[in-house]
N, C-alpha and C. Protein backbone atom coordinates (compact mmCIF):
# COMPACT_ATOMS: atom_id res chain seq x y z
N MET A 1 -38.92 -24.55 27.43
CA MET A 1 -37.85 -24.43 26.44
C MET A 1 -37.13 -25.77 26.30
N LEU A 2 -36.83 -26.15 25.07
CA LEU A 2 -36.18 -27.43 24.84
C LEU A 2 -34.75 -27.41 25.33
N ASP A 3 -34.34 -28.51 25.94
CA ASP A 3 -32.98 -28.66 26.45
C ASP A 3 -32.26 -29.68 25.58
N LEU A 4 -31.61 -29.21 24.52
CA LEU A 4 -31.00 -30.11 23.54
C LEU A 4 -29.52 -29.78 23.37
N ASP A 5 -28.71 -30.84 23.28
CA ASP A 5 -27.29 -30.66 23.02
C ASP A 5 -27.06 -30.50 21.51
N PRO A 6 -25.88 -30.01 21.09
CA PRO A 6 -25.63 -29.76 19.66
C PRO A 6 -25.81 -31.00 18.79
N GLY A 7 -25.38 -32.16 19.28
CA GLY A 7 -25.52 -33.38 18.49
C GLY A 7 -26.97 -33.72 18.22
N THR A 8 -27.81 -33.55 19.23
CA THR A 8 -29.23 -33.83 19.07
C THR A 8 -29.88 -32.83 18.12
N ILE A 9 -29.50 -31.57 18.23
CA ILE A 9 -30.02 -30.55 17.32
C ILE A 9 -29.66 -30.90 15.87
N PHE A 10 -28.42 -31.36 15.67
CA PHE A 10 -27.97 -31.75 14.33
C PHE A 10 -28.82 -32.91 13.80
N VAL A 11 -29.10 -33.88 14.69
CA VAL A 11 -29.93 -35.03 14.28
C VAL A 11 -31.32 -34.57 13.89
N ILE A 12 -31.91 -33.67 14.66
CA ILE A 12 -33.25 -33.17 14.35
C ILE A 12 -33.27 -32.45 13.01
N VAL A 13 -32.25 -31.62 12.76
CA VAL A 13 -32.17 -30.92 11.48
C VAL A 13 -32.10 -31.92 10.33
N LEU A 14 -31.28 -32.96 10.50
CA LEU A 14 -31.18 -33.99 9.47
C LEU A 14 -32.52 -34.69 9.26
N ARG A 15 -33.20 -35.00 10.34
CA ARG A 15 -34.44 -35.75 10.24
C ARG A 15 -35.61 -34.91 9.71
N VAL A 16 -35.43 -33.61 9.69
CA VAL A 16 -36.44 -32.74 9.09
C VAL A 16 -36.15 -32.49 7.62
N THR A 17 -34.87 -32.34 7.28
CA THR A 17 -34.51 -31.98 5.91
C THR A 17 -34.31 -33.18 4.99
N VAL A 18 -33.63 -34.20 5.46
CA VAL A 18 -33.31 -35.35 4.61
C VAL A 18 -34.56 -36.05 4.06
N PRO A 19 -35.63 -36.24 4.85
CA PRO A 19 -36.81 -36.91 4.30
C PRO A 19 -37.45 -36.20 3.11
N LEU A 20 -37.13 -34.93 2.91
CA LEU A 20 -37.66 -34.22 1.74
C LEU A 20 -37.18 -34.87 0.45
N THR A 21 -36.08 -35.64 0.53
CA THR A 21 -35.58 -36.34 -0.66
C THR A 21 -36.55 -37.42 -1.12
N ILE A 22 -37.46 -37.85 -0.23
CA ILE A 22 -38.45 -38.86 -0.61
C ILE A 22 -39.32 -38.35 -1.75
N LEU A 23 -39.56 -37.05 -1.77
CA LEU A 23 -40.40 -36.47 -2.81
C LEU A 23 -39.79 -36.63 -4.19
N ARG A 24 -38.47 -36.73 -4.24
CA ARG A 24 -37.76 -36.89 -5.51
C ARG A 24 -37.32 -38.33 -5.74
N TYR A 25 -36.93 -38.98 -4.64
CA TYR A 25 -36.41 -40.35 -4.72
C TYR A 25 -37.21 -41.23 -3.75
N PRO A 26 -38.33 -41.78 -4.20
CA PRO A 26 -39.24 -42.52 -3.31
C PRO A 26 -38.61 -43.69 -2.57
N VAL A 27 -37.63 -44.36 -3.19
CA VAL A 27 -36.99 -45.50 -2.54
C VAL A 27 -35.77 -45.05 -1.73
N GLY A 28 -34.84 -44.39 -2.40
CA GLY A 28 -33.61 -43.96 -1.72
C GLY A 28 -33.88 -43.02 -0.57
N GLY A 29 -34.82 -42.10 -0.74
CA GLY A 29 -35.11 -41.14 0.31
C GLY A 29 -35.63 -41.79 1.58
N VAL A 30 -36.49 -42.79 1.43
CA VAL A 30 -37.04 -43.43 2.62
C VAL A 30 -36.01 -44.34 3.28
N ILE A 31 -35.12 -44.93 2.49
CA ILE A 31 -34.06 -45.76 3.08
C ILE A 31 -33.13 -44.90 3.94
N ILE A 32 -32.76 -43.74 3.43
CA ILE A 32 -31.90 -42.83 4.20
C ILE A 32 -32.62 -42.35 5.45
N SER A 33 -33.91 -42.07 5.33
CA SER A 33 -34.69 -41.60 6.48
C SER A 33 -34.78 -42.68 7.56
N LEU A 34 -34.98 -43.93 7.13
CA LEU A 34 -35.01 -45.04 8.09
C LEU A 34 -33.65 -45.22 8.76
N ALA A 35 -32.58 -45.05 7.98
CA ALA A 35 -31.23 -45.17 8.53
C ALA A 35 -30.98 -44.09 9.58
N LEU A 36 -31.43 -42.87 9.30
CA LEU A 36 -31.28 -41.78 10.27
C LEU A 36 -32.03 -42.09 11.56
N ASP A 37 -33.21 -42.66 11.42
CA ASP A 37 -34.00 -43.02 12.59
C ASP A 37 -33.27 -44.05 13.44
N GLY A 38 -32.61 -44.99 12.79
CA GLY A 38 -31.91 -46.04 13.53
C GLY A 38 -30.56 -45.62 14.06
N LEU A 39 -29.96 -44.60 13.44
CA LEU A 39 -28.59 -44.21 13.79
C LEU A 39 -28.52 -42.86 14.50
N HIS A 40 -29.64 -42.38 15.04
CA HIS A 40 -29.61 -41.04 15.62
C HIS A 40 -28.65 -40.94 16.81
N MET A 41 -28.55 -42.01 17.60
CA MET A 41 -27.64 -41.95 18.75
C MET A 41 -26.18 -41.87 18.33
N PRO A 42 -25.71 -42.75 17.42
CA PRO A 42 -24.31 -42.63 16.98
C PRO A 42 -24.01 -41.29 16.33
N ILE A 43 -24.93 -40.77 15.52
CA ILE A 43 -24.70 -39.49 14.86
C ILE A 43 -24.55 -38.37 15.89
N ALA A 44 -25.45 -38.33 16.85
CA ALA A 44 -25.39 -37.30 17.89
C ALA A 44 -24.14 -37.47 18.75
N TYR A 45 -23.79 -38.71 19.04
CA TYR A 45 -22.60 -38.98 19.87
C TYR A 45 -21.33 -38.48 19.18
N VAL A 46 -21.18 -38.82 17.91
CA VAL A 46 -19.99 -38.40 17.17
C VAL A 46 -19.94 -36.88 17.06
N THR A 47 -21.09 -36.27 16.78
CA THR A 47 -21.15 -34.81 16.66
C THR A 47 -20.76 -34.14 17.97
N ASN A 48 -21.31 -34.60 19.09
CA ASN A 48 -20.97 -34.04 20.39
C ASN A 48 -19.50 -34.25 20.73
N THR A 49 -18.97 -35.42 20.36
CA THR A 49 -17.55 -35.70 20.63
C THR A 49 -16.66 -34.74 19.86
N LEU A 50 -16.98 -34.53 18.59
CA LEU A 50 -16.18 -33.61 17.77
C LEU A 50 -16.26 -32.18 18.29
N LEU A 51 -17.38 -31.83 18.91
CA LEU A 51 -17.57 -30.47 19.45
C LEU A 51 -17.18 -30.36 20.92
N ASN A 52 -16.63 -31.46 21.46
CA ASN A 52 -16.19 -31.50 22.87
C ASN A 52 -17.32 -31.19 23.85
N VAL A 53 -18.49 -31.71 23.57
CA VAL A 53 -19.63 -31.54 24.47
C VAL A 53 -19.51 -32.57 25.59
N PRO A 54 -19.72 -32.18 26.86
CA PRO A 54 -19.62 -33.13 27.97
C PRO A 54 -20.51 -34.35 27.76
N GLU A 55 -20.03 -35.52 28.12
CA GLU A 55 -20.75 -36.76 27.85
C GLU A 55 -22.10 -36.82 28.55
N GLU A 56 -22.25 -36.17 29.70
CA GLU A 56 -23.52 -36.24 30.43
C GLU A 56 -24.66 -35.54 29.68
N SER A 57 -24.34 -34.77 28.65
CA SER A 57 -25.39 -34.09 27.89
C SER A 57 -25.62 -34.73 26.53
N PHE A 58 -25.12 -35.96 26.34
CA PHE A 58 -25.32 -36.65 25.07
C PHE A 58 -26.80 -37.03 24.89
N VAL A 59 -27.11 -37.61 23.71
CA VAL A 59 -28.49 -37.97 23.39
C VAL A 59 -29.09 -38.87 24.44
N GLY A 60 -30.40 -38.94 24.43
CA GLY A 60 -31.13 -39.68 25.44
C GLY A 60 -31.97 -38.73 26.27
N ARG A 61 -31.89 -37.43 25.95
CA ARG A 61 -32.67 -36.45 26.67
C ARG A 61 -34.16 -36.63 26.39
N HIS A 62 -34.96 -36.30 27.38
CA HIS A 62 -36.41 -36.44 27.26
C HIS A 62 -36.95 -35.60 26.10
N ASP A 63 -36.42 -34.42 25.91
CA ASP A 63 -36.95 -33.53 24.88
C ASP A 63 -36.84 -34.13 23.48
N TYR A 64 -35.74 -34.86 23.20
CA TYR A 64 -35.62 -35.46 21.88
C TYR A 64 -36.56 -36.65 21.74
N HIS A 65 -36.63 -37.47 22.76
CA HIS A 65 -37.49 -38.65 22.68
C HIS A 65 -38.96 -38.27 22.58
N SER A 66 -39.31 -37.09 23.09
CA SER A 66 -40.68 -36.64 22.96
C SER A 66 -41.01 -36.26 21.52
N MET A 67 -40.00 -36.02 20.70
CA MET A 67 -40.21 -35.68 19.29
C MET A 67 -39.98 -36.85 18.35
N ASP A 68 -39.32 -37.90 18.82
CA ASP A 68 -38.87 -38.99 17.96
C ASP A 68 -39.99 -39.61 17.14
N LYS A 69 -41.09 -39.97 17.79
CA LYS A 69 -42.20 -40.62 17.09
C LYS A 69 -42.85 -39.68 16.07
N TRP A 70 -42.90 -38.39 16.41
CA TRP A 70 -43.48 -37.43 15.46
C TRP A 70 -42.57 -37.23 14.25
N LEU A 71 -41.27 -37.34 14.45
CA LEU A 71 -40.34 -37.26 13.32
C LEU A 71 -40.53 -38.47 12.41
N ASP A 72 -40.85 -39.64 13.01
CA ASP A 72 -41.17 -40.82 12.21
C ASP A 72 -42.43 -40.57 11.38
N VAL A 73 -43.45 -40.04 12.03
CA VAL A 73 -44.71 -39.76 11.34
C VAL A 73 -44.49 -38.76 10.21
N TYR A 74 -43.60 -37.80 10.44
CA TYR A 74 -43.31 -36.77 9.43
C TYR A 74 -42.77 -37.38 8.15
N PHE A 75 -41.73 -38.23 8.27
CA PHE A 75 -41.15 -38.76 7.03
C PHE A 75 -42.06 -39.80 6.37
N LEU A 76 -42.84 -40.51 7.17
CA LEU A 76 -43.78 -41.46 6.58
C LEU A 76 -44.96 -40.74 5.91
N SER A 77 -45.31 -39.56 6.40
CA SER A 77 -46.35 -38.76 5.76
C SER A 77 -45.89 -38.28 4.39
N LEU A 78 -44.61 -37.91 4.29
CA LEU A 78 -44.06 -37.53 2.99
C LEU A 78 -44.11 -38.72 2.03
N ALA A 79 -43.82 -39.90 2.57
CA ALA A 79 -43.88 -41.11 1.74
C ALA A 79 -45.30 -41.37 1.26
N ALA A 80 -46.27 -41.19 2.15
CA ALA A 80 -47.66 -41.39 1.77
C ALA A 80 -48.09 -40.40 0.69
N LEU A 81 -47.57 -39.19 0.80
CA LEU A 81 -47.87 -38.17 -0.20
C LEU A 81 -47.38 -38.60 -1.58
N VAL A 82 -46.19 -39.21 -1.61
CA VAL A 82 -45.62 -39.68 -2.87
C VAL A 82 -46.44 -40.83 -3.44
N SER A 83 -46.92 -41.71 -2.57
CA SER A 83 -47.59 -42.94 -3.03
C SER A 83 -49.06 -42.75 -3.36
N ARG A 84 -49.56 -41.51 -3.27
CA ARG A 84 -50.99 -41.30 -3.45
C ARG A 84 -51.46 -41.60 -4.88
N ARG A 85 -50.53 -41.67 -5.84
CA ARG A 85 -50.91 -41.96 -7.22
C ARG A 85 -50.59 -43.41 -7.62
N TRP A 86 -50.10 -44.20 -6.67
CA TRP A 86 -49.70 -45.56 -6.99
C TRP A 86 -50.90 -46.50 -6.92
N GLY A 87 -50.84 -47.54 -7.74
CA GLY A 87 -51.73 -48.68 -7.60
C GLY A 87 -53.20 -48.36 -7.69
N THR A 88 -53.98 -49.24 -7.08
CA THR A 88 -55.43 -49.16 -7.11
C THR A 88 -55.96 -48.31 -5.97
N THR A 89 -57.26 -48.08 -6.01
CA THR A 89 -57.91 -47.35 -4.91
C THR A 89 -57.73 -48.12 -3.59
N GLY A 90 -57.78 -49.45 -3.67
CA GLY A 90 -57.57 -50.27 -2.48
C GLY A 90 -56.19 -50.10 -1.88
N PHE A 91 -55.18 -50.01 -2.75
CA PHE A 91 -53.82 -49.80 -2.27
C PHE A 91 -53.71 -48.46 -1.57
N ARG A 92 -54.23 -47.42 -2.19
CA ARG A 92 -54.11 -46.08 -1.61
C ARG A 92 -54.88 -45.98 -0.29
N ALA A 93 -56.04 -46.60 -0.24
CA ALA A 93 -56.83 -46.58 0.98
C ALA A 93 -56.10 -47.31 2.11
N THR A 94 -55.49 -48.44 1.78
CA THR A 94 -54.74 -49.21 2.77
C THR A 94 -53.54 -48.41 3.25
N SER A 95 -52.83 -47.78 2.31
CA SER A 95 -51.64 -47.00 2.62
C SER A 95 -51.96 -45.90 3.63
N PHE A 96 -52.97 -45.10 3.33
CA PHE A 96 -53.32 -43.99 4.22
C PHE A 96 -53.94 -44.48 5.53
N SER A 97 -54.63 -45.60 5.50
CA SER A 97 -55.21 -46.15 6.73
C SER A 97 -54.13 -46.60 7.71
N LEU A 98 -53.08 -47.24 7.18
CA LEU A 98 -51.98 -47.68 8.03
C LEU A 98 -51.25 -46.49 8.64
N LEU A 99 -51.05 -45.43 7.86
CA LEU A 99 -50.42 -44.24 8.39
C LEU A 99 -51.30 -43.57 9.44
N PHE A 100 -52.59 -43.48 9.15
CA PHE A 100 -53.53 -42.87 10.10
C PHE A 100 -53.57 -43.66 11.41
N LEU A 101 -53.51 -44.99 11.31
CA LEU A 101 -53.48 -45.84 12.50
C LEU A 101 -52.33 -45.45 13.41
N ARG A 102 -51.17 -45.23 12.83
CA ARG A 102 -49.99 -44.88 13.63
C ARG A 102 -50.13 -43.47 14.21
N ILE A 103 -50.66 -42.55 13.43
CA ILE A 103 -50.84 -41.18 13.93
C ILE A 103 -51.75 -41.18 15.15
N VAL A 104 -52.81 -41.96 15.10
CA VAL A 104 -53.73 -42.07 16.24
C VAL A 104 -52.98 -42.64 17.45
N GLY A 105 -52.19 -43.69 17.22
CA GLY A 105 -51.45 -44.31 18.32
C GLY A 105 -50.45 -43.37 18.95
N VAL A 106 -49.71 -42.65 18.12
CA VAL A 106 -48.72 -41.70 18.64
C VAL A 106 -49.41 -40.58 19.42
N SER A 107 -50.55 -40.13 18.91
CA SER A 107 -51.29 -39.07 19.60
C SER A 107 -51.75 -39.54 20.99
N ILE A 108 -52.32 -40.74 21.05
CA ILE A 108 -52.77 -41.27 22.33
C ILE A 108 -51.58 -41.47 23.28
N PHE A 109 -50.46 -41.93 22.73
CA PHE A 109 -49.27 -42.14 23.55
C PHE A 109 -48.81 -40.85 24.21
N TYR A 110 -48.79 -39.75 23.44
CA TYR A 110 -48.32 -38.49 24.00
C TYR A 110 -49.33 -37.85 24.94
N ILE A 111 -50.59 -38.23 24.81
CA ILE A 111 -51.60 -37.72 25.74
C ILE A 111 -51.56 -38.50 27.06
N THR A 112 -51.38 -39.82 26.94
CA THR A 112 -51.45 -40.68 28.14
C THR A 112 -50.08 -41.01 28.72
N GLY A 113 -49.05 -41.04 27.87
CA GLY A 113 -47.72 -41.44 28.33
C GLY A 113 -47.58 -42.94 28.49
N ILE A 114 -48.55 -43.71 28.03
CA ILE A 114 -48.52 -45.16 28.15
C ILE A 114 -47.89 -45.76 26.90
N ARG A 115 -46.70 -46.33 27.03
CA ARG A 115 -45.98 -46.84 25.87
C ARG A 115 -46.66 -48.04 25.22
N MET A 116 -47.37 -48.82 26.03
CA MET A 116 -48.02 -50.02 25.48
C MET A 116 -49.03 -49.67 24.39
N VAL A 117 -49.51 -48.43 24.40
CA VAL A 117 -50.46 -48.00 23.37
C VAL A 117 -49.88 -48.21 21.98
N LEU A 118 -48.58 -47.99 21.84
CA LEU A 118 -47.94 -48.10 20.53
C LEU A 118 -47.94 -49.54 20.02
N PHE A 119 -48.06 -50.51 20.92
CA PHE A 119 -48.17 -51.91 20.49
C PHE A 119 -49.49 -52.15 19.78
N PHE A 120 -50.55 -51.50 20.26
CA PHE A 120 -51.88 -51.69 19.67
C PHE A 120 -52.09 -50.81 18.44
N PHE A 121 -51.17 -49.89 18.20
CA PHE A 121 -51.21 -49.07 17.00
C PHE A 121 -49.84 -49.16 16.31
N PRO A 122 -49.47 -50.35 15.85
CA PRO A 122 -48.11 -50.58 15.32
C PRO A 122 -47.83 -49.77 14.05
N ASN A 123 -46.56 -49.47 13.86
CA ASN A 123 -46.14 -48.68 12.71
C ASN A 123 -45.93 -49.60 11.49
N VAL A 124 -47.01 -50.25 11.07
CA VAL A 124 -46.94 -51.18 9.94
C VAL A 124 -46.51 -50.46 8.66
N TYR A 125 -46.85 -49.19 8.57
CA TYR A 125 -46.53 -48.42 7.37
C TYR A 125 -45.01 -48.32 7.15
N GLU A 126 -44.25 -48.42 8.23
CA GLU A 126 -42.79 -48.36 8.13
C GLU A 126 -42.23 -49.52 7.32
N PHE A 127 -42.96 -50.63 7.25
CA PHE A 127 -42.58 -51.77 6.41
C PHE A 127 -43.35 -51.76 5.08
N PHE A 128 -44.61 -51.32 5.15
CA PHE A 128 -45.49 -51.36 4.00
C PHE A 128 -44.97 -50.47 2.86
N TYR A 129 -44.59 -49.24 3.18
CA TYR A 129 -44.17 -48.32 2.12
C TYR A 129 -42.85 -48.73 1.47
N PRO A 130 -41.77 -49.02 2.24
CA PRO A 130 -40.51 -49.38 1.58
C PRO A 130 -40.66 -50.58 0.65
N TYR A 131 -41.42 -51.60 1.09
CA TYR A 131 -41.63 -52.75 0.21
C TYR A 131 -42.35 -52.33 -1.07
N SER A 132 -43.42 -51.58 -0.92
CA SER A 132 -44.21 -51.17 -2.08
C SER A 132 -43.39 -50.33 -3.04
N ALA A 133 -42.60 -49.40 -2.49
CA ALA A 133 -41.79 -48.52 -3.34
C ALA A 133 -40.72 -49.32 -4.09
N ALA A 134 -40.07 -50.25 -3.37
CA ALA A 134 -39.02 -51.05 -4.00
C ALA A 134 -39.61 -51.99 -5.05
N ALA A 135 -40.76 -52.61 -4.74
CA ALA A 135 -41.39 -53.52 -5.70
C ALA A 135 -41.84 -52.75 -6.94
N ARG A 136 -42.38 -51.58 -6.74
CA ARG A 136 -42.83 -50.77 -7.88
C ARG A 136 -41.67 -50.42 -8.80
N LYS A 137 -40.50 -50.20 -8.23
CA LYS A 137 -39.35 -49.79 -9.02
C LYS A 137 -38.63 -50.96 -9.67
N TRP A 138 -38.45 -52.05 -8.91
CA TRP A 138 -37.59 -53.13 -9.39
C TRP A 138 -38.31 -54.45 -9.69
N ALA A 139 -39.50 -54.64 -9.11
CA ALA A 139 -40.21 -55.91 -9.33
C ALA A 139 -41.71 -55.65 -9.39
N PRO A 140 -42.19 -55.01 -10.45
CA PRO A 140 -43.61 -54.63 -10.55
C PRO A 140 -44.57 -55.81 -10.36
N HIS A 141 -44.10 -57.01 -10.70
CA HIS A 141 -44.98 -58.18 -10.55
C HIS A 141 -45.22 -58.52 -9.07
N LEU A 142 -44.42 -57.95 -8.18
CA LEU A 142 -44.59 -58.19 -6.75
C LEU A 142 -45.28 -57.02 -6.03
N PHE A 143 -45.58 -55.97 -6.78
CA PHE A 143 -46.25 -54.81 -6.18
C PHE A 143 -47.63 -55.23 -5.68
N PRO A 144 -48.02 -54.77 -4.49
CA PRO A 144 -49.32 -55.19 -3.92
C PRO A 144 -50.50 -54.48 -4.60
N GLY A 145 -50.67 -54.76 -5.86
CA GLY A 145 -51.73 -54.13 -6.61
C GLY A 145 -53.02 -54.93 -6.64
N THR A 146 -52.96 -56.17 -6.15
CA THR A 146 -54.17 -56.99 -6.08
C THR A 146 -54.55 -57.19 -4.61
N LEU A 147 -55.78 -57.59 -4.39
CA LEU A 147 -56.26 -57.78 -3.02
C LEU A 147 -55.45 -58.85 -2.29
N VAL A 148 -55.13 -59.93 -2.98
CA VAL A 148 -54.39 -61.03 -2.36
C VAL A 148 -53.01 -60.56 -1.91
N ARG A 149 -52.30 -59.86 -2.79
CA ARG A 149 -50.96 -59.36 -2.44
C ARG A 149 -51.03 -58.31 -1.34
N LEU A 150 -52.07 -57.50 -1.39
CA LEU A 150 -52.23 -56.46 -0.39
C LEU A 150 -52.46 -57.06 0.99
N VAL A 151 -53.34 -58.05 1.06
CA VAL A 151 -53.62 -58.72 2.33
C VAL A 151 -52.37 -59.44 2.84
N ALA A 152 -51.64 -60.09 1.93
CA ALA A 152 -50.43 -60.81 2.32
C ALA A 152 -49.39 -59.85 2.88
N LEU A 153 -49.20 -58.71 2.20
CA LEU A 153 -48.20 -57.74 2.66
C LEU A 153 -48.57 -57.16 4.02
N VAL A 154 -49.82 -56.76 4.18
CA VAL A 154 -50.24 -56.18 5.46
C VAL A 154 -50.13 -57.21 6.59
N SER A 155 -50.46 -58.47 6.30
CA SER A 155 -50.38 -59.52 7.31
C SER A 155 -48.94 -59.77 7.75
N ILE A 156 -48.03 -59.89 6.77
CA ILE A 156 -46.63 -60.16 7.09
C ILE A 156 -46.00 -58.95 7.78
N ALA A 157 -46.22 -57.77 7.21
CA ALA A 157 -45.65 -56.56 7.80
C ALA A 157 -46.22 -56.32 9.19
N GLY A 158 -47.51 -56.58 9.36
CA GLY A 158 -48.14 -56.40 10.66
C GLY A 158 -47.58 -57.34 11.71
N ALA A 159 -47.38 -58.60 11.33
CA ALA A 159 -46.85 -59.58 12.29
C ALA A 159 -45.43 -59.21 12.72
N LEU A 160 -44.60 -58.85 11.74
CA LEU A 160 -43.22 -58.46 12.06
C LEU A 160 -43.18 -57.22 12.95
N LYS A 161 -44.03 -56.26 12.62
CA LYS A 161 -44.03 -55.01 13.39
C LYS A 161 -44.56 -55.20 14.80
N LEU A 162 -45.54 -56.09 14.97
CA LEU A 162 -46.05 -56.36 16.30
C LEU A 162 -44.97 -56.96 17.20
N VAL A 163 -44.16 -57.84 16.64
CA VAL A 163 -43.06 -58.41 17.41
C VAL A 163 -42.09 -57.30 17.84
N GLN A 164 -41.74 -56.43 16.90
CA GLN A 164 -40.82 -55.33 17.21
C GLN A 164 -41.43 -54.39 18.26
N GLU A 165 -42.70 -54.04 18.07
CA GLU A 165 -43.35 -53.12 19.01
C GLU A 165 -43.45 -53.76 20.40
N TYR A 166 -43.65 -55.08 20.46
CA TYR A 166 -43.73 -55.75 21.76
C TYR A 166 -42.42 -55.62 22.52
N PHE A 167 -41.32 -55.94 21.84
CA PHE A 167 -40.02 -55.85 22.49
C PHE A 167 -39.70 -54.41 22.90
N GLN A 168 -40.06 -53.46 22.03
CA GLN A 168 -39.67 -52.08 22.26
C GLN A 168 -40.57 -51.36 23.27
N HIS A 169 -41.88 -51.61 23.23
CA HIS A 169 -42.79 -50.81 24.02
C HIS A 169 -43.53 -51.56 25.12
N VAL A 170 -43.54 -52.90 25.07
CA VAL A 170 -44.16 -53.66 26.15
C VAL A 170 -43.07 -54.21 27.08
N SER A 171 -42.13 -54.96 26.49
CA SER A 171 -41.01 -55.45 27.30
C SER A 171 -39.98 -54.36 27.55
N GLU A 172 -40.01 -53.32 26.69
CA GLU A 172 -39.09 -52.19 26.78
C GLU A 172 -37.63 -52.65 26.77
N LEU A 173 -37.32 -53.54 25.83
CA LEU A 173 -35.97 -54.04 25.67
C LEU A 173 -35.28 -53.30 24.54
N GLY A 174 -34.01 -52.94 24.75
CA GLY A 174 -33.23 -52.33 23.70
C GLY A 174 -32.74 -53.40 22.73
N VAL A 175 -32.16 -52.95 21.60
CA VAL A 175 -31.65 -53.90 20.61
C VAL A 175 -30.61 -54.83 21.22
N GLY A 176 -29.75 -54.28 22.06
CA GLY A 176 -28.72 -55.09 22.70
C GLY A 176 -29.31 -56.18 23.56
N SER A 177 -30.35 -55.84 24.33
CA SER A 177 -31.01 -56.82 25.19
C SER A 177 -31.71 -57.89 24.37
N ILE A 178 -32.29 -57.49 23.23
CA ILE A 178 -32.97 -58.45 22.37
C ILE A 178 -31.97 -59.43 21.77
N ILE A 179 -30.82 -58.92 21.33
CA ILE A 179 -29.77 -59.79 20.79
C ILE A 179 -29.33 -60.81 21.84
N THR A 180 -29.14 -60.34 23.07
CA THR A 180 -28.74 -61.23 24.15
C THR A 180 -29.82 -62.27 24.42
N LEU A 181 -31.09 -61.88 24.29
CA LEU A 181 -32.20 -62.76 24.61
C LEU A 181 -32.42 -63.84 23.56
N VAL A 182 -32.35 -63.48 22.28
CA VAL A 182 -32.75 -64.43 21.22
C VAL A 182 -31.57 -65.03 20.45
N THR A 183 -30.34 -64.69 20.82
CA THR A 183 -29.18 -65.27 20.15
C THR A 183 -28.23 -65.84 21.20
N PRO A 184 -27.22 -66.60 20.77
CA PRO A 184 -26.26 -67.14 21.74
C PRO A 184 -25.27 -66.10 22.23
N PHE A 185 -25.32 -64.88 21.66
CA PHE A 185 -24.38 -63.84 22.04
C PHE A 185 -24.89 -63.06 23.25
N GLU A 186 -23.96 -62.63 24.07
CA GLU A 186 -24.32 -61.83 25.24
C GLU A 186 -23.55 -60.52 25.19
N LEU A 187 -24.26 -59.45 24.90
CA LEU A 187 -23.62 -58.14 24.79
C LEU A 187 -23.36 -57.58 26.20
N PRO A 188 -22.28 -56.82 26.36
CA PRO A 188 -21.92 -56.33 27.70
C PRO A 188 -22.84 -55.24 28.22
N TYR A 189 -23.58 -54.58 27.34
CA TYR A 189 -24.46 -53.49 27.76
C TYR A 189 -25.86 -53.69 27.16
N PRO A 190 -26.90 -53.11 27.78
CA PRO A 190 -28.27 -53.32 27.29
C PRO A 190 -28.56 -52.68 25.94
N THR A 191 -27.81 -51.66 25.55
CA THR A 191 -28.03 -51.05 24.24
C THR A 191 -26.91 -51.44 23.29
N LEU A 192 -27.26 -51.55 22.02
CA LEU A 192 -26.28 -51.94 21.00
C LEU A 192 -25.18 -50.90 20.89
N TRP A 193 -25.53 -49.62 20.97
CA TRP A 193 -24.55 -48.54 20.84
C TRP A 193 -23.53 -48.58 21.97
N GLU A 194 -23.99 -48.80 23.21
CA GLU A 194 -23.06 -48.89 24.34
C GLU A 194 -22.14 -50.10 24.17
N SER A 195 -22.67 -51.17 23.63
CA SER A 195 -21.85 -52.37 23.41
C SER A 195 -20.80 -52.13 22.34
N VAL A 196 -21.17 -51.37 21.29
CA VAL A 196 -20.18 -51.02 20.26
C VAL A 196 -19.09 -50.14 20.85
N LEU A 197 -19.48 -49.16 21.67
CA LEU A 197 -18.48 -48.28 22.29
C LEU A 197 -17.56 -49.05 23.22
N SER A 198 -18.05 -50.14 23.81
CA SER A 198 -17.22 -50.92 24.73
C SER A 198 -16.06 -51.58 24.01
N LEU A 199 -16.15 -51.73 22.69
CA LEU A 199 -15.06 -52.32 21.93
C LEU A 199 -13.81 -51.43 21.97
N PHE A 200 -14.03 -50.15 22.29
CA PHE A 200 -12.93 -49.19 22.30
C PHE A 200 -12.50 -48.83 23.72
N GLU A 201 -13.00 -49.57 24.71
CA GLU A 201 -12.59 -49.30 26.08
C GLU A 201 -11.13 -49.73 26.29
N LYS A 202 -10.41 -48.95 27.07
CA LYS A 202 -9.02 -49.28 27.36
C LYS A 202 -8.97 -50.43 28.35
N ARG A 203 -8.04 -51.33 28.09
CA ARG A 203 -7.88 -52.48 28.97
C ARG A 203 -6.92 -52.15 30.11
């Protein structure tokens, strides 16, 4: 049986229902879905605080993290469904191949429990789709409808995503630790959210 606090349950409900907006709003829906993915801890924290849930039961539970990657796959699958009529056959084949690559990686990760697997199956589609959707809407001349643009987009998105996956799943560094490592700033806590909360600590 899942052991989830109210804030985490609220986040899961949001992450299941909100991505359905992608079917109607291909750009706005995916932006909101990506924001939810990045802000799940603050949302759950605020919800639990408002409901007076003890702090020891806040987000970070194993049960939620075991679903997190599948929730990512869920909203990206909805995006792929929307994009199935876009562009050329090459674009559609690339789109579904990138999504399938991630699904394979997530499946292997949950079977083996080895996080490094996700580095070798990066979530390139998380960058590929938002760019394609935005270009299609606002800058059609930049849409990856040709082989050259398609290769360029996959190469750039792949390189950026590999860096992110390395920090997250190989070095296992949080955003706060990465900021401390690559910038002149030194955050007081390893996670960005804990560092933000520290701004409100009593002196």
